[in-house]
Structures are given as structure tokens and as C-alpha cells.
Amino acid sequence: MRESLRAGVIGYVTKDAADDELVEAGRLAAADQPYLHPLLGARLAPEPEDSAHPGHLTDRELEVLRMIALGYTNTEIGKQLYLRTRTVESHRAHIQQKVRLQSRAELVRFAIDNKLIETSADPAA
């Protein structure tokens, strides 16, 4: 699986996938969009780059990360970006792999630290 992703495979569906998952993966692949089952993506996505700099994220991943950091749910992000919830989950899994973080709180902190979102005035002021 990892070797396939490194070689440029755009999606991966398990052999026991439901019909609707297979159809969804095919539609996304036809639109040049990646598809990995969220659990697979979190476990089996390619190893992250040596650096967790936001520049290693795609534009779409940065967009999803910003919305996660602003408190949007996966469903809300999907509606805003015209994506299926599963696609948002896949993007989130890729982001988590690339920046080596696990929780939503860690992603929010990462977005703040890397100035991907604006925060309110300095609390020390």
C-alpha cells in the first residue's frame, strides 16, 4: 500500500469495500481527487516529509486545515468546499500524516503557530 501511494496511486479501496464506497472512489479518481478510506489514510498514507512546514501541504489541505482550526466540522467543511464528507476526512488524514499530529487540538495549535489563521489580540496585552 505505501509503495503504491509513493508511486502516485490516487486512491485505494479495500477488497471488502461497500458498493457506494467503490463508486465514490471511482468518481473522485475521475475528477483527479484522492481517495483513501479515512482509517487507511491515517495509518497507511506515505511517510511525512522531514519537515512539518505548511508548505508541504497542498492548497486544498491548507484550506481544509484552516477550516478545521476555525472549528468547522467535517460535514460543514464539505458543504463549504463542495466536497463529500469522506473526501474531507481523507484530506484530514493526509494532513495529520504530513504534520505528524493526531488530534483536532494539535491541528488547531499547528495552524495558529504557522499563522494559517488569524487569532484575536495578544492575551498578554
N, C-alpha and C. Protein backbone atom coordinates (compact mmCIF):
# COMPACT_ATOMS: atom_id res chain seq x y z
N MET A 1 0.81 -1.19 0.00
CA MET A 1 0.00 0.00 0.00
C MET A 1 0.85 1.25 0.00
N ARG A 2 1.82 1.35 0.91
CA ARG A 2 2.68 2.54 0.98
C ARG A 2 3.44 2.74 -0.32
N GLU A 3 3.95 1.66 -0.87
CA GLU A 3 4.70 1.75 -2.13
C GLU A 3 3.82 2.27 -3.26
N SER A 4 2.57 1.83 -3.29
CA SER A 4 1.64 2.28 -4.32
C SER A 4 1.40 3.77 -4.22
N LEU A 5 1.21 4.26 -3.01
CA LEU A 5 0.99 5.69 -2.80
C LEU A 5 2.21 6.50 -3.21
N ARG A 6 3.38 6.02 -2.86
CA ARG A 6 4.61 6.72 -3.24
C ARG A 6 4.78 6.75 -4.76
N ALA A 7 4.26 5.72 -5.41
CA ALA A 7 4.37 5.63 -6.87
C ALA A 7 3.33 6.49 -7.58
N GLY A 8 2.43 7.10 -6.82
CA GLY A 8 1.48 8.03 -7.42
C GLY A 8 0.06 7.54 -7.54
N VAL A 9 -0.28 6.42 -6.91
CA VAL A 9 -1.66 5.95 -6.92
C VAL A 9 -2.54 7.02 -6.29
N ILE A 10 -3.66 7.30 -6.91
CA ILE A 10 -4.52 8.40 -6.44
C ILE A 10 -5.55 7.92 -5.42
N GLY A 11 -5.80 6.63 -5.37
CA GLY A 11 -6.80 6.14 -4.42
C GLY A 11 -6.56 4.69 -4.07
N TYR A 12 -7.21 4.28 -3.00
CA TYR A 12 -7.07 2.90 -2.55
C TYR A 12 -8.36 2.49 -1.88
N VAL A 13 -8.93 1.39 -2.36
CA VAL A 13 -10.16 0.86 -1.80
C VAL A 13 -9.87 -0.58 -1.37
N THR A 14 -10.33 -0.95 -0.21
CA THR A 14 -10.13 -2.32 0.25
C THR A 14 -11.05 -3.27 -0.50
N LYS A 15 -10.68 -4.54 -0.55
CA LYS A 15 -11.47 -5.50 -1.31
C LYS A 15 -12.85 -5.75 -0.71
N ASP A 16 -13.03 -5.43 0.55
CA ASP A 16 -14.34 -5.61 1.17
C ASP A 16 -15.14 -4.30 1.24
N ALA A 17 -14.76 -3.32 0.41
CA ALA A 17 -15.46 -2.03 0.41
C ALA A 17 -16.90 -2.19 -0.07
N ALA A 18 -17.77 -1.39 0.49
CA ALA A 18 -19.17 -1.38 0.06
C ALA A 18 -19.25 -0.79 -1.35
N ASP A 19 -20.33 -1.13 -2.06
CA ASP A 19 -20.51 -0.66 -3.43
C ASP A 19 -20.45 0.86 -3.53
N ASP A 20 -21.11 1.54 -2.59
CA ASP A 20 -21.14 3.01 -2.66
C ASP A 20 -19.75 3.60 -2.44
N GLU A 21 -18.92 2.95 -1.63
CA GLU A 21 -17.55 3.42 -1.42
C GLU A 21 -16.74 3.26 -2.70
N LEU A 22 -16.92 2.15 -3.38
CA LEU A 22 -16.22 1.91 -4.64
C LEU A 22 -16.63 2.93 -5.70
N VAL A 23 -17.91 3.21 -5.79
CA VAL A 23 -18.41 4.20 -6.75
C VAL A 23 -17.83 5.57 -6.42
N GLU A 24 -17.85 5.93 -5.14
CA GLU A 24 -17.30 7.23 -4.70
C GLU A 24 -15.82 7.33 -5.05
N ALA A 25 -15.06 6.29 -4.80
CA ALA A 25 -13.63 6.30 -5.11
C ALA A 25 -13.42 6.48 -6.61
N GLY A 26 -14.22 5.81 -7.42
CA GLY A 26 -14.12 5.95 -8.88
C GLY A 26 -14.43 7.35 -9.35
N ARG A 27 -15.47 7.95 -8.80
CA ARG A 27 -15.83 9.33 -9.16
C ARG A 27 -14.71 10.30 -8.79
N LEU A 28 -14.18 10.13 -7.60
CA LEU A 28 -13.10 11.03 -7.17
C LEU A 28 -11.86 10.86 -8.05
N ALA A 29 -11.51 9.63 -8.36
CA ALA A 29 -10.35 9.38 -9.21
C ALA A 29 -10.56 10.01 -10.59
N ALA A 30 -11.77 9.91 -11.13
CA ALA A 30 -12.07 10.50 -12.43
C ALA A 30 -11.93 12.02 -12.39
N ALA A 31 -12.16 12.61 -11.21
CA ALA A 31 -12.03 14.06 -11.04
C ALA A 31 -10.63 14.44 -10.54
N ASP A 32 -9.70 13.48 -10.60
CA ASP A 32 -8.32 13.68 -10.16
C ASP A 32 -8.24 14.07 -8.69
N GLN A 33 -9.14 13.50 -7.89
CA GLN A 33 -9.17 13.73 -6.44
C GLN A 33 -8.73 12.44 -5.75
N PRO A 34 -7.96 12.54 -4.69
CA PRO A 34 -7.53 11.33 -3.99
C PRO A 34 -8.65 10.68 -3.18
N TYR A 35 -8.56 9.38 -3.00
CA TYR A 35 -9.48 8.70 -2.11
C TYR A 35 -8.74 7.60 -1.35
N LEU A 36 -8.82 7.67 -0.05
CA LEU A 36 -8.38 6.60 0.85
C LEU A 36 -9.43 6.54 1.95
N HIS A 37 -9.81 5.34 2.32
CA HIS A 37 -10.70 5.23 3.47
C HIS A 37 -10.02 5.96 4.61
N PRO A 38 -10.74 6.78 5.37
CA PRO A 38 -10.10 7.59 6.42
C PRO A 38 -9.21 6.79 7.38
N LEU A 39 -9.64 5.61 7.76
CA LEU A 39 -8.80 4.82 8.67
C LEU A 39 -7.53 4.35 7.99
N LEU A 40 -7.64 3.97 6.71
CA LEU A 40 -6.45 3.58 5.96
C LEU A 40 -5.52 4.77 5.76
N GLY A 41 -6.13 5.90 5.41
CA GLY A 41 -5.32 7.08 5.16
C GLY A 41 -4.51 7.48 6.38
N ALA A 42 -5.13 7.42 7.53
CA ALA A 42 -4.43 7.80 8.76
C ALA A 42 -3.29 6.84 9.07
N ARG A 43 -3.47 5.58 8.73
CA ARG A 43 -2.44 4.57 9.04
C ARG A 43 -1.42 4.36 7.94
N LEU A 44 -1.88 4.45 6.70
CA LEU A 44 -1.03 3.98 5.61
C LEU A 44 -0.59 5.04 4.62
N ALA A 45 -0.94 6.30 4.83
CA ALA A 45 -0.51 7.34 3.91
C ALA A 45 1.01 7.37 3.87
N PRO A 46 1.57 7.90 2.81
CA PRO A 46 3.03 7.94 2.71
C PRO A 46 3.65 8.63 3.93
N GLU A 47 4.87 8.25 4.23
CA GLU A 47 5.56 8.87 5.35
C GLU A 47 5.65 10.37 5.12
N PRO A 48 5.53 11.17 6.17
CA PRO A 48 5.60 12.63 6.02
C PRO A 48 6.99 13.09 5.62
N GLU A 49 7.05 14.29 5.10
CA GLU A 49 8.33 14.91 4.77
C GLU A 49 9.12 15.12 6.05
N ASP A 50 10.40 15.41 5.91
CA ASP A 50 11.24 15.64 7.08
C ASP A 50 10.76 16.84 7.89
N SER A 51 10.15 17.79 7.24
CA SER A 51 9.69 18.99 7.93
C SER A 51 8.18 19.03 7.94
N ALA A 52 7.61 19.59 8.99
CA ALA A 52 6.16 19.72 9.07
C ALA A 52 5.74 21.12 8.67
N HIS A 53 6.54 21.81 7.88
CA HIS A 53 6.22 23.16 7.42
C HIS A 53 4.96 23.13 6.58
N PRO A 54 4.11 24.13 6.74
CA PRO A 54 2.85 24.13 5.99
C PRO A 54 3.03 24.08 4.48
N GLY A 55 4.20 24.44 3.98
CA GLY A 55 4.45 24.39 2.55
C GLY A 55 4.38 22.99 1.98
N HIS A 56 4.42 21.97 2.83
CA HIS A 56 4.34 20.59 2.37
C HIS A 56 2.89 20.16 2.16
N LEU A 57 1.96 21.01 2.54
CA LEU A 57 0.55 20.70 2.35
C LEU A 57 0.08 21.29 1.02
N THR A 58 -0.83 20.59 0.38
CA THR A 58 -1.41 21.11 -0.86
C THR A 58 -2.31 22.30 -0.52
N ASP A 59 -2.67 23.06 -1.55
CA ASP A 59 -3.58 24.19 -1.32
C ASP A 59 -4.89 23.73 -0.70
N ARG A 60 -5.42 22.61 -1.19
CA ARG A 60 -6.69 22.09 -0.66
C ARG A 60 -6.51 21.66 0.79
N GLU A 61 -5.38 21.01 1.12
CA GLU A 61 -5.13 20.60 2.51
C GLU A 61 -5.02 21.81 3.42
N LEU A 62 -4.37 22.87 2.96
CA LEU A 62 -4.28 24.10 3.75
C LEU A 62 -5.67 24.69 3.98
N GLU A 63 -6.51 24.66 2.95
CA GLU A 63 -7.87 25.17 3.07
C GLU A 63 -8.66 24.36 4.10
N VAL A 64 -8.55 23.04 4.04
CA VAL A 64 -9.23 22.17 4.99
C VAL A 64 -8.68 22.40 6.40
N LEU A 65 -7.37 22.50 6.53
CA LEU A 65 -6.75 22.73 7.84
C LEU A 65 -7.22 24.05 8.45
N ARG A 66 -7.29 25.09 7.66
CA ARG A 66 -7.77 26.38 8.17
C ARG A 66 -9.19 26.24 8.72
N MET A 67 -10.03 25.53 7.98
CA MET A 67 -11.42 25.38 8.41
C MET A 67 -11.52 24.51 9.67
N ILE A 68 -10.70 23.48 9.76
CA ILE A 68 -10.65 22.66 10.98
C ILE A 68 -10.27 23.56 12.16
N ALA A 69 -9.24 24.38 11.95
CA ALA A 69 -8.76 25.25 13.02
C ALA A 69 -9.80 26.29 13.43
N LEU A 70 -10.67 26.65 12.50
CA LEU A 70 -11.72 27.62 12.81
C LEU A 70 -12.94 26.96 13.46
N GLY A 71 -12.89 25.64 13.63
CA GLY A 71 -13.94 24.94 14.35
C GLY A 71 -15.03 24.30 13.50
N TYR A 72 -14.88 24.31 12.18
CA TYR A 72 -15.87 23.67 11.33
C TYR A 72 -15.80 22.16 11.46
N THR A 73 -16.94 21.49 11.39
CA THR A 73 -16.96 20.03 11.37
C THR A 73 -16.61 19.55 9.96
N ASN A 74 -16.32 18.27 9.83
CA ASN A 74 -16.01 17.71 8.51
C ASN A 74 -17.18 17.92 7.54
N THR A 75 -18.40 17.74 8.03
CA THR A 75 -19.59 17.92 7.19
C THR A 75 -19.70 19.37 6.75
N GLU A 76 -19.48 20.31 7.66
CA GLU A 76 -19.55 21.73 7.32
C GLU A 76 -18.47 22.11 6.31
N ILE A 77 -17.28 21.56 6.49
CA ILE A 77 -16.19 21.82 5.54
C ILE A 77 -16.58 21.31 4.16
N GLY A 78 -17.13 20.10 4.13
CA GLY A 78 -17.56 19.53 2.87
C GLY A 78 -18.57 20.41 2.16
N LYS A 79 -19.54 20.91 2.89
CA LYS A 79 -20.56 21.78 2.29
C LYS A 79 -19.95 23.07 1.77
N GLN A 80 -19.06 23.67 2.53
CA GLN A 80 -18.42 24.93 2.14
C GLN A 80 -17.53 24.76 0.90
N LEU A 81 -16.83 23.62 0.82
CA LEU A 81 -15.87 23.40 -0.27
C LEU A 81 -16.42 22.50 -1.38
N TYR A 82 -17.71 22.15 -1.28
CA TYR A 82 -18.36 21.27 -2.26
C TYR A 82 -17.63 19.93 -2.38
N LEU A 83 -17.36 19.34 -1.22
CA LEU A 83 -16.71 18.03 -1.14
C LEU A 83 -17.58 17.11 -0.32
N ARG A 84 -17.45 15.82 -0.56
CA ARG A 84 -18.12 14.85 0.30
C ARG A 84 -17.39 14.79 1.64
N THR A 85 -18.11 14.43 2.67
CA THR A 85 -17.52 14.34 3.99
C THR A 85 -16.34 13.37 3.99
N ARG A 86 -16.46 12.28 3.28
CA ARG A 86 -15.36 11.30 3.22
C ARG A 86 -14.11 11.90 2.59
N THR A 87 -14.29 12.78 1.60
CA THR A 87 -13.15 13.44 0.98
C THR A 87 -12.47 14.36 1.99
N VAL A 88 -13.26 15.07 2.77
CA VAL A 88 -12.70 15.93 3.82
C VAL A 88 -11.94 15.07 4.83
N GLU A 89 -12.51 13.93 5.20
CA GLU A 89 -11.83 13.02 6.14
C GLU A 89 -10.50 12.53 5.57
N SER A 90 -10.49 12.26 4.28
CA SER A 90 -9.26 11.83 3.62
C SER A 90 -8.21 12.94 3.64
N HIS A 91 -8.64 14.17 3.33
CA HIS A 91 -7.71 15.31 3.40
C HIS A 91 -7.17 15.46 4.82
N ARG A 92 -8.05 15.34 5.79
CA ARG A 92 -7.62 15.48 7.19
C ARG A 92 -6.59 14.40 7.55
N ALA A 93 -6.82 13.17 7.10
CA ALA A 93 -5.87 12.09 7.37
C ALA A 93 -4.51 12.38 6.74
N HIS A 94 -4.53 12.91 5.52
CA HIS A 94 -3.27 13.27 4.86
C HIS A 94 -2.55 14.39 5.62
N ILE A 95 -3.31 15.38 6.05
CA ILE A 95 -2.74 16.49 6.81
C ILE A 95 -2.09 15.95 8.08
N GLN A 96 -2.83 15.11 8.80
CA GLN A 96 -2.31 14.57 10.06
C GLN A 96 -1.03 13.77 9.83
N GLN A 97 -0.97 13.02 8.75
CA GLN A 97 0.24 12.27 8.43
C GLN A 97 1.40 13.21 8.13
N LYS A 98 1.14 14.22 7.31
CA LYS A 98 2.20 15.12 6.88
C LYS A 98 2.77 15.95 8.02
N VAL A 99 1.93 16.40 8.93
CA VAL A 99 2.41 17.25 10.02
C VAL A 99 2.64 16.46 11.31
N ARG A 100 2.38 15.17 11.25
CA ARG A 100 2.65 14.26 12.37
C ARG A 100 1.89 14.64 13.64
N LEU A 101 0.61 14.93 13.46
CA LEU A 101 -0.25 15.28 14.59
C LEU A 101 -1.47 14.39 14.57
N GLN A 102 -2.10 14.19 15.72
CA GLN A 102 -3.21 13.26 15.83
C GLN A 102 -4.56 13.91 16.10
N SER A 103 -4.59 14.90 16.96
CA SER A 103 -5.89 15.42 17.41
C SER A 103 -6.25 16.74 16.73
N ARG A 104 -7.52 17.06 16.81
CA ARG A 104 -8.02 18.35 16.29
C ARG A 104 -7.32 19.49 17.03
N ALA A 105 -7.15 19.37 18.34
CA ALA A 105 -6.49 20.42 19.12
C ALA A 105 -5.05 20.65 18.62
N GLU A 106 -4.35 19.58 18.32
CA GLU A 106 -2.98 19.72 17.80
C GLU A 106 -2.98 20.41 16.43
N LEU A 107 -3.98 20.10 15.61
CA LEU A 107 -4.08 20.75 14.30
C LEU A 107 -4.36 22.24 14.46
N VAL A 108 -5.22 22.58 15.42
CA VAL A 108 -5.52 23.99 15.67
C VAL A 108 -4.25 24.71 16.11
N ARG A 109 -3.51 24.14 17.03
CA ARG A 109 -2.26 24.74 17.52
C ARG A 109 -1.28 24.90 16.36
N PHE A 110 -1.16 23.90 15.51
CA PHE A 110 -0.28 23.95 14.34
C PHE A 110 -0.67 25.11 13.43
N ALA A 111 -1.97 25.25 13.17
CA ALA A 111 -2.46 26.33 12.30
C ALA A 111 -2.15 27.70 12.90
N ILE A 112 -2.33 27.84 14.20
CA ILE A 112 -2.04 29.11 14.87
C ILE A 112 -0.54 29.39 14.83
N ASP A 113 0.27 28.40 15.19
CA ASP A 113 1.73 28.57 15.23
C ASP A 113 2.29 28.93 13.86
N ASN A 114 1.66 28.44 12.80
CA ASN A 114 2.14 28.69 11.45
C ASN A 114 1.38 29.82 10.76
N LYS A 115 0.62 30.57 11.57
CA LYS A 115 -0.11 31.75 11.09
C LYS A 115 -1.02 31.44 9.90
N LEU A 116 -1.68 30.29 9.98
CA LEU A 116 -2.63 29.91 8.94
C LEU A 116 -4.01 30.49 9.21
N ILE A 117 -4.23 30.91 10.45
CA ILE A 117 -5.47 31.59 10.81
C ILE A 117 -5.11 32.79 11.67
N GLU A 118 -6.00 33.76 11.67
CA GLU A 118 -5.81 34.95 12.50
C GLU A 118 -6.38 34.67 13.88
N THR A 119 -5.67 35.07 14.89
CA THR A 119 -6.18 34.92 16.25
C THR A 119 -6.49 36.31 16.80
N SER A 120 -7.27 36.34 17.88
CA SER A 120 -7.61 37.63 18.48
C SER A 120 -6.37 38.28 19.07
N ALA A 121 -6.54 39.46 19.58
CA ALA A 121 -5.42 40.23 20.13
C ALA A 121 -4.64 39.43 21.14
N ASP A 122 -3.39 39.79 21.32
CA ASP A 122 -2.49 39.14 22.25
C ASP A 122 -3.09 39.16 23.66
N PRO A 123 -3.28 37.97 24.28
CA PRO A 123 -3.90 37.92 25.61
C PRO A 123 -3.04 38.58 26.68
N ALA A 124 -1.75 38.78 26.42
CA ALA A 124 -0.86 39.41 27.41
C ALA A 124 -1.01 40.93 27.38
N ALA A 125 -1.66 41.45 26.35
CA ALA A 125 -1.76 42.91 26.22
C ALA A 125 -2.82 43.49 27.12
